[in-house]
PDB file of N, CA and C in Angstrom:
ATOM      1  N   MET A   1     -30.635 -58.911 -28.261  1.00  0.00           N
ATOM      2  CA  MET A   1     -29.420 -58.623 -28.997  1.00  0.00           C
ATOM      3  C   MET A   1     -28.234 -58.490 -28.040  1.00  0.00           C
ATOM      4  N   ALA A   2     -28.444 -58.901 -26.816  1.00  0.00           N
ATOM      5  CA  ALA A   2     -27.374 -58.804 -25.832  1.00  0.00           C
ATOM      6  C   ALA A   2     -26.163 -59.600 -26.294  1.00  0.00           C
ATOM      7  N   GLY A   3     -25.005 -58.991 -26.188  1.00  0.00           N
ATOM      8  CA  GLY A   3     -23.768 -59.654 -26.556  1.00  0.00           C
ATOM      9  C   GLY A   3     -23.439 -59.604 -28.029  1.00  0.00           C
ATOM     10  N   ILE A   4     -24.284 -58.999 -28.825  1.00  0.00           N
ATOM     11  CA  ILE A   4     -24.029 -58.893 -30.265  1.00  0.00           C
ATOM     12  C   ILE A   4     -23.786 -57.436 -30.605  1.00  0.00           C
ATOM     13  N   ASP A   5     -22.697 -57.187 -31.298  1.00  0.00           N
ATOM     14  CA  ASP A   5     -22.348 -55.828 -31.695  1.00  0.00           C
ATOM     15  C   ASP A   5     -23.432 -55.275 -32.619  1.00  0.00           C
ATOM     16  N   GLN A   6     -23.984 -54.104 -32.294  1.00  0.00           N
ATOM     17  CA  GLN A   6     -25.049 -53.485 -33.081  1.00  0.00           C
ATOM     18  C   GLN A   6     -24.639 -53.277 -34.533  1.00  0.00           C
ATOM     19  N   SER A   7     -23.347 -53.073 -34.785  1.00  0.00           N
ATOM     20  CA  SER A   7     -22.893 -52.838 -36.157  1.00  0.00           C
ATOM     21  C   SER A   7     -23.183 -54.033 -37.067  1.00  0.00           C
ATOM     22  N   VAL A   8     -23.230 -55.237 -36.494  1.00  0.00           N
ATOM     23  CA  VAL A   8     -23.553 -56.427 -37.295  1.00  0.00           C
ATOM     24  C   VAL A   8     -24.945 -56.273 -37.894  1.00  0.00           C
ATOM     25  N   PHE A   9     -25.897 -55.836 -37.065  1.00  0.00           N
ATOM     26  CA  PHE A   9     -27.255 -55.655 -37.556  1.00  0.00           C
ATOM     27  C   PHE A   9     -27.329 -54.506 -38.554  1.00  0.00           C
ATOM     28  N   ASN A  10     -26.593 -53.431 -38.291  1.00  0.00           N
ATOM     29  CA  ASN A  10     -26.605 -52.288 -39.204  1.00  0.00           C
ATOM     30  C   ASN A  10     -26.033 -52.660 -40.563  1.00  0.00           C
ATOM     31  N   GLU A  11     -24.946 -53.427 -40.579  1.00  0.00           N
ATOM     32  CA  GLU A  11     -24.333 -53.827 -41.840  1.00  0.00           C
ATOM     33  C   GLU A  11     -25.256 -54.743 -42.629  1.00  0.00           C
ATOM     34  N   MET A  12     -25.981 -55.603 -41.933  1.00  0.00           N
ATOM     35  CA  MET A  12     -26.894 -56.521 -42.598  1.00  0.00           C
ATOM     36  C   MET A  12     -28.152 -55.806 -43.065  1.00  0.00           C
ATOM     37  N   GLY A  13     -28.456 -54.673 -42.448  1.00  0.00           N
ATOM     38  CA  GLY A  13     -29.636 -53.910 -42.828  1.00  0.00           C
ATOM     39  C   GLY A  13     -30.915 -54.380 -42.153  1.00  0.00           C
ATOM     40  N   ILE A  14     -30.834 -55.454 -41.364  1.00  0.00           N
ATOM     41  CA  ILE A  14     -32.070 -55.956 -40.763  1.00  0.00           C
ATOM     42  C   ILE A  14     -32.557 -55.081 -39.617  1.00  0.00           C
ATOM     43  N   ALA A  15     -31.679 -54.338 -38.992  1.00  0.00           N
ATOM     44  CA  ALA A  15     -32.104 -53.472 -37.893  1.00  0.00           C
ATOM     45  C   ALA A  15     -32.952 -52.315 -38.408  1.00  0.00           C
ATOM     46  N   ASP A  16     -32.862 -52.021 -39.688  1.00  0.00           N
ATOM     47  CA  ASP A  16     -33.597 -50.907 -40.280  1.00  0.00           C
ATOM     48  C   ASP A  16     -34.863 -51.338 -41.009  1.00  0.00           C
ATOM     49  N   HIS A  17     -35.140 -52.608 -41.022  1.00  0.00           N
ATOM     50  CA  HIS A  17     -36.275 -53.102 -41.798  1.00  0.00           C
ATOM     51  C   HIS A  17     -37.537 -53.163 -40.931  1.00  0.00           C
ATOM     52  N   PRO A  18     -38.668 -52.652 -41.427  1.00  0.00           N
ATOM     53  CA  PRO A  18     -39.915 -52.687 -40.648  1.00  0.00           C
ATOM     54  C   PRO A  18     -40.317 -54.096 -40.208  1.00  0.00           C
ATOM     55  N   ALA A  19     -39.981 -55.101 -41.004  1.00  0.00           N
ATOM     56  CA  ALA A  19     -40.331 -56.475 -40.619  1.00  0.00           C
ATOM     57  C   ALA A  19     -39.616 -56.872 -39.332  1.00  0.00           C
ATOM     58  N   MET A  20     -38.398 -56.383 -39.145  1.00  0.00           N
ATOM     59  CA  MET A  20     -37.651 -56.693 -37.930  1.00  0.00           C
ATOM     60  C   MET A  20     -38.365 -56.108 -36.715  1.00  0.00           C
ATOM     61  N   TYR A  21     -38.904 -54.922 -36.865  1.00  0.00           N
ATOM     62  CA  TYR A  21     -39.662 -54.298 -35.780  1.00  0.00           C
ATOM     63  C   TYR A  21     -40.852 -55.182 -35.420  1.00  0.00           C
ATOM     64  N   ARG A  22     -41.559 -55.669 -36.422  1.00  0.00           N
ATOM     65  CA  ARG A  22     -42.733 -56.524 -36.160  1.00  0.00           C
ATOM     66  C   ARG A  22     -42.321 -57.835 -35.496  1.00  0.00           C
ATOM     67  N   ILE A  23     -41.188 -58.390 -35.919  1.00  0.00           N
ATOM     68  CA  ILE A  23     -40.691 -59.623 -35.304  1.00  0.00           C
ATOM     69  C   ILE A  23     -40.368 -59.391 -33.833  1.00  0.00           C
ATOM     70  N   LEU A  24     -39.654 -58.290 -33.553  1.00  0.00           N
ATOM     71  CA  LEU A  24     -39.310 -57.999 -32.163  1.00  0.00           C
ATOM     72  C   LEU A  24     -40.554 -57.744 -31.321  1.00  0.00           C
ATOM     73  N   ASP A  25     -41.558 -57.121 -31.920  1.00  0.00           N
ATOM     74  CA  ASP A  25     -42.810 -56.899 -31.217  1.00  0.00           C
ATOM     75  C   ASP A  25     -43.470 -58.235 -30.888  1.00  0.00           C
ATOM     76  N   ALA A  26     -43.486 -59.160 -31.835  1.00  0.00           N
ATOM     77  CA  ALA A  26     -44.089 -60.476 -31.611  1.00  0.00           C
ATOM     78  C   ALA A  26     -43.338 -61.245 -30.527  1.00  0.00           C
ATOM     79  N   VAL A  27     -42.014 -61.200 -30.572  1.00  0.00           N
ATOM     80  CA  VAL A  27     -41.208 -61.869 -29.543  1.00  0.00           C
ATOM     81  C   VAL A  27     -41.498 -61.257 -28.175  1.00  0.00           C
ATOM     82  N   GLY A  28     -41.607 -59.941 -28.124  1.00  0.00           N
ATOM     83  CA  GLY A  28     -41.928 -59.279 -26.867  1.00  0.00           C
ATOM     84  C   GLY A  28     -43.265 -59.733 -26.316  1.00  0.00           C
ATOM     85  N   ARG A  29     -44.248 -59.930 -27.193  1.00  0.00           N
ATOM     86  CA  ARG A  29     -45.564 -60.398 -26.733  1.00  0.00           C
ATOM     87  C   ARG A  29     -45.481 -61.830 -26.209  1.00  0.00           C
ATOM     88  N   ILE A  30     -44.694 -62.664 -26.867  1.00  0.00           N
ATOM     89  CA  ILE A  30     -44.516 -64.039 -26.403  1.00  0.00           C
ATOM     90  C   ILE A  30     -43.881 -64.053 -25.014  1.00  0.00           C
ATOM     91  N   LEU A  31     -42.970 -63.121 -24.773  1.00  0.00           N
ATOM     92  CA  LEU A  31     -42.281 -63.031 -23.480  1.00  0.00           C
ATOM     93  C   LEU A  31     -43.053 -62.186 -22.471  1.00  0.00           C
ATOM     94  N   ASP A  32     -44.285 -61.822 -22.803  1.00  0.00           N
ATOM     95  CA  ASP A  32     -45.137 -61.006 -21.927  1.00  0.00           C
ATOM     96  C   ASP A  32     -44.530 -59.653 -21.589  1.00  0.00           C
ATOM     97  N   GLU A  33     -43.808 -59.068 -22.539  1.00  0.00           N
ATOM     98  CA  GLU A  33     -43.295 -57.716 -22.364  1.00  0.00           C
ATOM     99  C   GLU A  33     -44.369 -56.735 -22.818  1.00  0.00           C
ATOM    100  N   PRO A  34     -44.290 -55.478 -22.373  1.00  0.00           N
ATOM    101  CA  PRO A  34     -45.284 -54.495 -22.834  1.00  0.00           C
ATOM    102  C   PRO A  34     -45.219 -54.317 -24.344  1.00  0.00           C
ATOM    103  N   ASP A  35     -46.375 -54.005 -24.941  1.00  0.00           N
ATOM    104  CA  ASP A  35     -46.429 -53.774 -26.383  1.00  0.00           C
ATOM    105  C   ASP A  35     -45.566 -52.590 -26.778  1.00  0.00           C
ATOM    106  N   LEU A  36     -45.028 -52.665 -27.984  1.00  0.00           N
ATOM    107  CA  LEU A  36     -44.340 -51.512 -28.539  1.00  0.00           C
ATOM    108  C   LEU A  36     -45.391 -50.452 -28.863  1.00  0.00           C
ATOM    109  N   PRO A  37     -45.080 -49.185 -28.649  1.00  0.00           N
ATOM    110  CA  PRO A  37     -46.085 -48.160 -28.890  1.00  0.00           C
ATOM    111  C   PRO A  37     -46.454 -48.069 -30.369  1.00  0.00           C
ATOM    112  N   ALA A  38     -47.730 -47.860 -30.615  1.00  0.00           N
ATOM    113  CA  ALA A  38     -48.219 -47.703 -31.984  1.00  0.00           C
ATOM    114  C   ALA A  38     -49.278 -46.621 -32.011  1.00  0.00           C
ATOM    115  N   PRO A  39     -49.131 -45.643 -32.901  1.00  0.00           N
ATOM    116  CA  PRO A  39     -50.159 -44.613 -32.985  1.00  0.00           C
ATOM    117  C   PRO A  39     -51.461 -45.200 -33.514  1.00  0.00           C
ATOM    118  N   PRO A  40     -52.598 -44.772 -33.006  1.00  0.00           N
ATOM    119  CA  PRO A  40     -53.877 -45.338 -33.427  1.00  0.00           C
ATOM    120  C   PRO A  40     -54.384 -44.756 -34.742  1.00  0.00           C
ATOM    121  N   GLY A  41     -55.197 -45.536 -35.445  1.00  0.00           N
ATOM    122  CA  GLY A  41     -55.957 -45.139 -36.621  1.00  0.00           C
ATOM    123  C   GLY A  41     -55.303 -44.208 -37.603  1.00  0.00           C
ATOM    124  N   ARG A  42     -55.903 -43.023 -37.727  1.00  0.00           N
ATOM    125  CA  ARG A  42     -55.447 -42.044 -38.718  1.00  0.00           C
ATOM    126  C   ARG A  42     -54.003 -41.624 -38.466  1.00  0.00           C
ATOM    127  N   GLN A  43     -53.622 -41.544 -37.217  1.00  0.00           N
ATOM    128  CA  GLN A  43     -52.234 -41.195 -36.916  1.00  0.00           C
ATOM    129  C   GLN A  43     -51.291 -42.234 -37.499  1.00  0.00           C
ATOM    130  N   GLU A  44     -51.710 -43.494 -37.501  1.00  0.00           N
ATOM    131  CA  GLU A  44     -50.892 -44.555 -38.074  1.00  0.00           C
ATOM    132  C   GLU A  44     -50.673 -44.313 -39.568  1.00  0.00           C
ATOM    133  N   GLN A  45     -51.732 -43.963 -40.284  1.00  0.00           N
ATOM    134  CA  GLN A  45     -51.615 -43.687 -41.715  1.00  0.00           C
ATOM    135  C   GLN A  45     -50.708 -42.489 -41.965  1.00  0.00           C
ATOM    136  N   GLN A  46     -50.854 -41.448 -41.154  1.00  0.00           N
ATOM    137  CA  GLN A  46     -50.010 -40.262 -41.306  1.00  0.00           C
ATOM    138  C   GLN A  46     -48.561 -40.595 -41.013  1.00  0.00           C
ATOM    139  N   ALA A  47     -48.330 -41.421 -39.994  1.00  0.00           N
ATOM    140  CA  ALA A  47     -46.963 -41.806 -39.637  1.00  0.00           C
ATOM    141  C   ALA A  47     -46.308 -42.571 -40.782  1.00  0.00           C
ATOM    142  N   ARG A  48     -47.039 -43.511 -41.345  1.00  0.00           N
ATOM    143  CA  ARG A  48     -46.482 -44.289 -42.463  1.00  0.00           C
ATOM    144  C   ARG A  48     -46.255 -43.422 -43.695  1.00  0.00           C
ATOM    145  N   GLY A  49     -47.152 -42.467 -43.923  1.00  0.00           N
ATOM    146  CA  GLY A  49     -46.968 -41.537 -45.037  1.00  0.00           C
ATOM    147  C   GLY A  49     -45.716 -40.699 -44.863  1.00  0.00           C
ATOM    148  N   GLU A  50     -45.488 -40.242 -43.643  1.00  0.00           N
ATOM    149  CA  GLU A  50     -44.276 -39.476 -43.345  1.00  0.00           C
ATOM    150  C   GLU A  50     -43.037 -40.337 -43.574  1.00  0.00           C
ATOM    151  N   ALA A  51     -43.081 -41.584 -43.150  1.00  0.00           N
ATOM    152  CA  ALA A  51     -41.952 -42.491 -43.352  1.00  0.00           C
ATOM    153  C   ALA A  51     -41.681 -42.704 -44.840  1.00  0.00           C
ATOM    154  N   GLN A  52     -42.735 -42.862 -45.622  1.00  0.00           N
ATOM    155  CA  GLN A  52     -42.565 -43.035 -47.063  1.00  0.00           C
ATOM    156  C   GLN A  52     -41.959 -41.796 -47.714  1.00  0.00           C
ATOM    157  N   ARG A  53     -42.380 -40.625 -47.261  1.00  0.00           N
ATOM    158  CA  ARG A  53     -41.795 -39.385 -47.793  1.00  0.00           C
ATOM    159  C   ARG A  53     -40.315 -39.289 -47.427  1.00  0.00           C
ATOM    160  N   MET A  54     -39.967 -39.689 -46.211  1.00  0.00           N
ATOM    161  CA  MET A  54     -38.553 -39.681 -45.814  1.00  0.00           C
ATOM    162  C   MET A  54     -37.725 -40.537 -46.771  1.00  0.00           C
ATOM    163  N   MET A  55     -38.285 -41.664 -47.190  1.00  0.00           N
ATOM    164  CA  MET A  55     -37.552 -42.610 -48.016  1.00  0.00           C
ATOM    165  C   MET A  55     -37.534 -42.227 -49.490  1.00  0.00           C
ATOM    166  N   HIS A  56     -38.608 -41.601 -49.995  1.00  0.00           N
ATOM    167  CA  HIS A  56     -38.745 -41.420 -51.445  1.00  0.00           C
ATOM    168  C   HIS A  56     -38.711 -39.977 -51.940  1.00  0.00           C
ATOM    169  N   ASP A  57     -38.903 -39.004 -51.077  1.00  0.00           N
ATOM    170  CA  ASP A  57     -38.996 -37.609 -51.512  1.00  0.00           C
ATOM    171  C   ASP A  57     -37.683 -36.865 -51.268  1.00  0.00           C
ATOM    172  N   PRO A  58     -36.922 -36.578 -52.330  1.00  0.00           N
ATOM    173  CA  PRO A  58     -35.648 -35.870 -52.154  1.00  0.00           C
ATOM    174  C   PRO A  58     -35.795 -34.498 -51.499  1.00  0.00           C
ATOM    175  N   GLU A  59     -36.998 -33.937 -51.496  1.00  0.00           N
ATOM    176  CA  GLU A  59     -37.232 -32.634 -50.868  1.00  0.00           C
ATOM    177  C   GLU A  59     -37.469 -32.747 -49.355  1.00  0.00           C
ATOM    178  N   HIS A  60     -37.677 -33.963 -48.863  1.00  0.00           N
ATOM    179  CA  HIS A  60     -37.920 -34.150 -47.433  1.00  0.00           C
ATOM    180  C   HIS A  60     -36.625 -33.847 -46.670  1.00  0.00           C
ATOM    181  N   PRO A  61     -36.718 -33.144 -45.534  1.00  0.00           N
ATOM    182  CA  PRO A  61     -35.500 -32.763 -44.799  1.00  0.00           C
ATOM    183  C   PRO A  61     -34.676 -33.942 -44.281  1.00  0.00           C
ATOM    184  N   ASP A  62     -35.281 -35.129 -44.143  1.00  0.00           N
ATOM    185  CA  ASP A  62     -34.544 -36.295 -43.650  1.00  0.00           C
ATOM    186  C   ASP A  62     -34.098 -37.248 -44.761  1.00  0.00           C
ATOM    187  N   TYR A  63     -34.422 -36.928 -46.007  1.00  0.00           N
ATOM    188  CA  TYR A  63     -34.139 -37.819 -47.131  1.00  0.00           C
ATOM    189  C   TYR A  63     -32.650 -38.149 -47.249  1.00  0.00           C
ATOM    190  N   SER A  64     -31.804 -37.148 -47.261  1.00  0.00           N
ATOM    191  CA  SER A  64     -30.368 -37.411 -47.467  1.00  0.00           C
ATOM    192  C   SER A  64     -29.775 -38.202 -46.306  1.00  0.00           C
ATOM    193  N   ALA A  65     -30.188 -37.894 -45.088  1.00  0.00           N
ATOM    194  CA  ALA A  65     -29.678 -38.636 -43.928  1.00  0.00           C
ATOM    195  C   ALA A  65     -30.168 -40.080 -43.956  1.00  0.00           C
ATOM    196  N   PHE A  66     -31.373 -40.300 -44.439  1.00  0.00           N
ATOM    197  CA  PHE A  66     -31.943 -41.644 -44.507  1.00  0.00           C
ATOM    198  C   PHE A  66     -31.128 -42.543 -45.443  1.00  0.00           C
ATOM    199  N   HIS A  67     -30.602 -41.971 -46.530  1.00  0.00           N
ATOM    200  CA  HIS A  67     -29.917 -42.759 -47.555  1.00  0.00           C
ATOM    201  C   HIS A  67     -28.400 -42.759 -47.455  1.00  0.00           C
ATOM    202  N   ASP A  68     -27.831 -42.008 -46.527  1.00  0.00           N
ATOM    203  CA  ASP A  68     -26.378 -41.905 -46.428  1.00  0.00           C
ATOM    204  C   ASP A  68     -25.916 -42.388 -45.058  1.00  0.00           C
ATOM    205  N   CYS A  69     -25.368 -43.597 -44.999  1.00  0.00           N
ATOM    206  CA  CYS A  69     -24.968 -44.171 -43.710  1.00  0.00           C
ATOM    207  C   CYS A  69     -23.822 -43.396 -43.057  1.00  0.00           C
ATOM    208  N   ASP A  70     -23.154 -42.515 -43.797  1.00  0.00           N
ATOM    209  CA  ASP A  70     -22.098 -41.686 -43.225  1.00  0.00           C
ATOM    210  C   ASP A  70     -22.617 -40.338 -42.730  1.00  0.00           C
ATOM    211  N   HIS A  71     -23.887 -40.064 -42.955  1.00  0.00           N
ATOM    212  CA  HIS A  71     -24.488 -38.806 -42.509  1.00  0.00           C
ATOM    213  C   HIS A  71     -24.541 -38.791 -40.987  1.00  0.00           C
ATOM    214  N   PRO A  72     -24.228 -37.667 -40.347  1.00  0.00           N
ATOM    215  CA  PRO A  72     -24.227 -37.621 -38.874  1.00  0.00           C
ATOM    216  C   PRO A  72     -25.596 -37.911 -38.240  1.00  0.00           C
ATOM    217  N   ARG A  73     -26.673 -37.736 -38.994  1.00  0.00           N
ATOM    218  CA  ARG A  73     -28.012 -37.981 -38.450  1.00  0.00           C
ATOM    219  C   ARG A  73     -28.602 -39.326 -38.908  1.00  0.00           C
ATOM    220  N   PHE A  74     -27.785 -40.157 -39.551  1.00  0.00           N
ATOM    221  CA  PHE A  74     -28.275 -41.415 -40.104  1.00  0.00           C
ATOM    222  C   PHE A  74     -29.013 -42.262 -39.058  1.00  0.00           C
ATOM    223  N   ALA A  75     -28.394 -42.531 -37.926  1.00  0.00           N
ATOM    224  CA  ALA A  75     -28.996 -43.384 -36.897  1.00  0.00           C
ATOM    225  C   ALA A  75     -30.277 -42.756 -36.353  1.00  0.00           C
ATOM    226  N   GLU A  76     -30.257 -41.461 -36.138  1.00  0.00           N
ATOM    227  CA  GLU A  76     -31.435 -40.751 -35.630  1.00  0.00           C
ATOM    228  C   GLU A  76     -32.602 -40.856 -36.617  1.00  0.00           C
ATOM    229  N   VAL A  77     -32.317 -40.639 -37.891  1.00  0.00           N
ATOM    230  CA  VAL A  77     -33.370 -40.665 -38.910  1.00  0.00           C
ATOM    231  C   VAL A  77     -33.887 -42.092 -39.110  1.00  0.00           C
ATOM    232  N   ARG A  78     -33.012 -43.077 -39.087  1.00  0.00           N
ATOM    233  CA  ARG A  78     -33.455 -44.470 -39.214  1.00  0.00           C
ATOM    234  C   ARG A  78     -34.326 -44.869 -38.021  1.00  0.00           C
ATOM    235  N   ALA A  79     -33.966 -44.411 -36.818  1.00  0.00           N
ATOM    236  CA  ALA A  79     -34.790 -44.690 -35.637  1.00  0.00           C
ATOM    237  C   ALA A  79     -36.159 -44.035 -35.781  1.00  0.00           C
ATOM    238  N   LYS A  80     -36.180 -42.816 -36.296  1.00  0.00           N
ATOM    239  CA  LYS A  80     -37.443 -42.118 -36.528  1.00  0.00           C
ATOM    240  C   LYS A  80     -38.293 -42.891 -37.534  1.00  0.00           C
ATOM    241  N   TYR A  81     -37.669 -43.351 -38.615  1.00  0.00           N
ATOM    242  CA  TYR A  81     -38.366 -44.143 -39.630  1.00  0.00           C
ATOM    243  C   TYR A  81     -38.980 -45.399 -39.012  1.00  0.00           C
ATOM    244  N   MET A  82     -38.204 -46.084 -38.183  1.00  0.00           N
ATOM    245  CA  MET A  82     -38.704 -47.296 -37.554  1.00  0.00           C
ATOM    246  C   MET A  82     -39.891 -47.013 -36.641  1.00  0.00           C
ATOM    247  N   ARG A  83     -39.828 -45.906 -35.907  1.00  0.00           N
ATOM    248  CA  ARG A  83     -40.968 -45.542 -35.063  1.00  0.00           C
ATOM    249  C   ARG A  83     -42.203 -45.298 -35.914  1.00  0.00           C
ATOM    250  N   LEU A  84     -42.024 -44.596 -37.006  1.00  0.00           N
ATOM    251  CA  LEU A  84     -43.154 -44.285 -37.883  1.00  0.00           C
ATOM    252  C   LEU A  84     -43.713 -45.539 -38.555  1.00  0.00           C
ATOM    253  N   MET A  85     -42.872 -46.434 -39.022  1.00  0.00           N
ATOM    254  CA  MET A  85     -43.316 -47.635 -39.721  1.00  0.00           C
ATOM    255  C   MET A  85     -43.776 -48.731 -38.777  1.00  0.00           C
ATOM    256  N   GLY A  86     -43.344 -48.673 -37.562  1.00  0.00           N
ATOM    257  CA  GLY A  86     -43.697 -49.725 -36.610  1.00  0.00           C
ATOM    258  C   GLY A  86     -45.116 -49.643 -36.119  1.00  0.00           C
ATOM    259  N   ALA A  87     -45.842 -48.649 -36.581  1.00  0.00           N
ATOM    260  CA  ALA A  87     -47.218 -48.443 -36.108  1.00  0.00           C
ATOM    261  C   ALA A  87     -48.120 -49.589 -36.473  1.00  0.00           C
TER     262      ALA A  87
END
């Protein structure tokens, strides 16, 4: 993404999509870069469950930040979501 303003990806929404994480992981493997970290087995299921709660449960502490791009924690929460879903 060198030379491309990050806001372009944020506006398009592709930087926040789990498929984009998988694509970047695949490109990294083609370029012989180290694998992106992924929690093993049961931790993977728990991570994805946490990510789903962030997205769908209004009682989750990160829910409002996840859905409001003007929230001060929006970028932090989206990064957390990507880490959890990228497993």
